[in-house]
Amino acid sequence: MAAKIAFDLGRANELKSRMNNCIGEVNGELDNMGTRVAGITAWWKGGDEQGFIDNFNSTKRDIQKALNECAEEYARLVAEISNIKQESVRSIKTQLRGG
């Protein structure tokens, strides 16, 4: 028996929205952490503090870039699957009409 493939575009878009919300929350937390990290200059003196801040900012950019790439890739895949599904439905309708 062939496996039944089901795809719910509404649920896929809902997941995409939830993912984007979570990414926004993570970005907000990273911004809050960045503010706290920048505040170390009040109690850390001697030159290494700027390296620590720079390292955090670099890591933060890498994390944000990876999260955005993940969200973009998921959106691309959902759009691709949606297009394939729509084309499949059109093809079936055409075949049922005899053409």
Protein backbone atom coordinates (compact mmCIF):
# COMPACT_ATOMS: atom_id res chain seq x y z
CA MET A 1 0.00 0.00 0.00
CA ALA A 2 1.37 3.42 -0.94
CA ALA A 3 2.02 5.89 1.82
CA LYS A 4 -0.44 8.74 2.03
CA ILE A 5 1.24 12.12 1.91
CA ALA A 6 -0.58 14.97 3.59
CA PHE A 7 0.47 18.60 3.83
CA ASP A 8 -1.47 21.33 5.59
CA LEU A 9 -0.41 24.75 4.32
CA GLY A 10 -2.27 26.52 7.11
CA ARG A 11 -0.41 24.59 9.77
CA ALA A 12 2.89 25.08 7.96
CA ASN A 13 2.29 28.84 7.88
CA GLU A 14 1.27 28.77 11.55
CA LEU A 15 4.55 27.02 12.39
CA LYS A 16 6.46 29.57 10.32
CA SER A 17 4.77 32.37 12.27
CA ARG A 18 5.58 30.72 15.61
CA MET A 19 9.18 30.24 14.52
CA ASN A 20 9.46 33.90 13.56
CA ASN A 21 7.99 34.91 16.93
CA CYS A 22 10.52 32.71 18.75
CA ILE A 23 13.35 34.13 16.68
CA GLY A 24 12.16 37.61 17.60
CA GLU A 25 12.20 36.65 21.28
CA VAL A 26 15.72 35.23 20.99
CA ASN A 27 16.88 38.39 19.22
CA GLY A 28 15.34 40.47 21.99
CA GLU A 29 17.14 38.43 24.63
CA LEU A 30 20.41 38.76 22.73
CA ASP A 31 19.92 42.53 22.65
CA ASN A 32 19.29 42.55 26.42
CA MET A 33 22.39 40.44 26.97
CA GLY A 34 24.36 42.83 24.76
CA THR A 35 23.32 45.73 26.94
CA ARG A 36 24.43 43.86 30.06
CA VAL A 37 27.70 42.80 28.43
CA ALA A 38 28.43 46.39 27.39
CA GLY A 39 27.98 47.37 31.03
CA ILE A 40 31.03 45.36 32.13
CA THR A 41 33.20 48.37 31.42
CA ALA A 42 31.93 49.83 34.70
CA TRP A 43 33.67 47.10 36.72
CA TRP A 44 36.19 45.46 34.36
CA LYS A 45 39.30 47.47 33.59
CA GLY A 46 42.57 46.54 31.97
CA GLY A 47 41.94 46.12 28.27
CA ASP A 48 40.42 42.66 28.04
CA GLU A 49 36.91 43.99 28.53
CA GLN A 50 36.63 45.31 24.97
CA GLY A 51 37.76 41.96 23.57
CA PHE A 52 35.04 40.25 25.60
CA ILE A 53 32.42 42.72 24.33
CA ASP A 54 33.62 42.32 20.74
CA ASN A 55 33.53 38.53 21.07
CA PHE A 56 29.96 38.66 22.38
CA ASN A 57 28.86 40.99 19.58
CA SER A 58 30.44 38.72 16.96
CA THR A 59 28.77 35.65 18.45
CA LYS A 60 25.45 37.51 18.63
CA ARG A 61 25.67 38.40 14.91
CA ASP A 62 26.48 34.77 14.05
CA ILE A 63 23.48 33.51 16.04
CA GLN A 64 21.13 36.07 14.51
CA LYS A 65 22.39 35.26 11.02
CA ALA A 66 21.87 31.52 11.58
CA LEU A 67 18.36 32.05 12.96
CA ASN A 68 17.40 34.28 10.04
CA GLU A 69 18.79 31.79 7.54
CA CYS A 70 16.80 29.03 9.23
CA ALA A 71 13.58 31.06 9.02
CA GLU A 72 14.24 31.99 5.39
CA GLU A 73 14.98 28.38 4.43
CA TYR A 74 11.80 27.16 6.14
CA ALA A 75 9.74 29.83 4.35
CA ARG A 76 11.33 28.83 1.03
CA LEU A 77 10.58 25.15 1.61
CA VAL A 78 6.96 25.84 2.57
CA ALA A 79 6.50 27.97 -0.54
CA GLU A 80 8.08 25.27 -2.71
CA ILE A 81 5.90 22.53 -1.23
CA SER A 82 2.83 24.73 -1.58
CA ASN A 83 3.61 25.34 -5.26
CA ILE A 84 4.11 21.61 -5.88
CA LYS A 85 0.82 20.82 -4.14
CA GLN A 86 -1.06 23.48 -6.11
CA GLU A 87 0.40 22.19 -9.39
CA SER A 88 -0.59 18.64 -8.42
CA VAL A 89 -4.18 19.76 -7.74
CA ARG A 90 -4.31 21.63 -11.08
CA SER A 91 -2.98 18.56 -12.87
CA ILE A 92 -5.59 16.28 -11.28
CA LYS A 93 -8.39 18.73 -12.16
CA THR A 94 -7.18 18.89 -15.75
CA GLN A 95 -7.04 15.10 -15.99
CA LEU A 96 -10.54 14.77 -14.51
CA ARG A 97 -11.87 17.19 -17.12
CA GLY A 98 -10.40 14.95 -19.78
CA GLY A 99 -7.72 17.23 -20.92
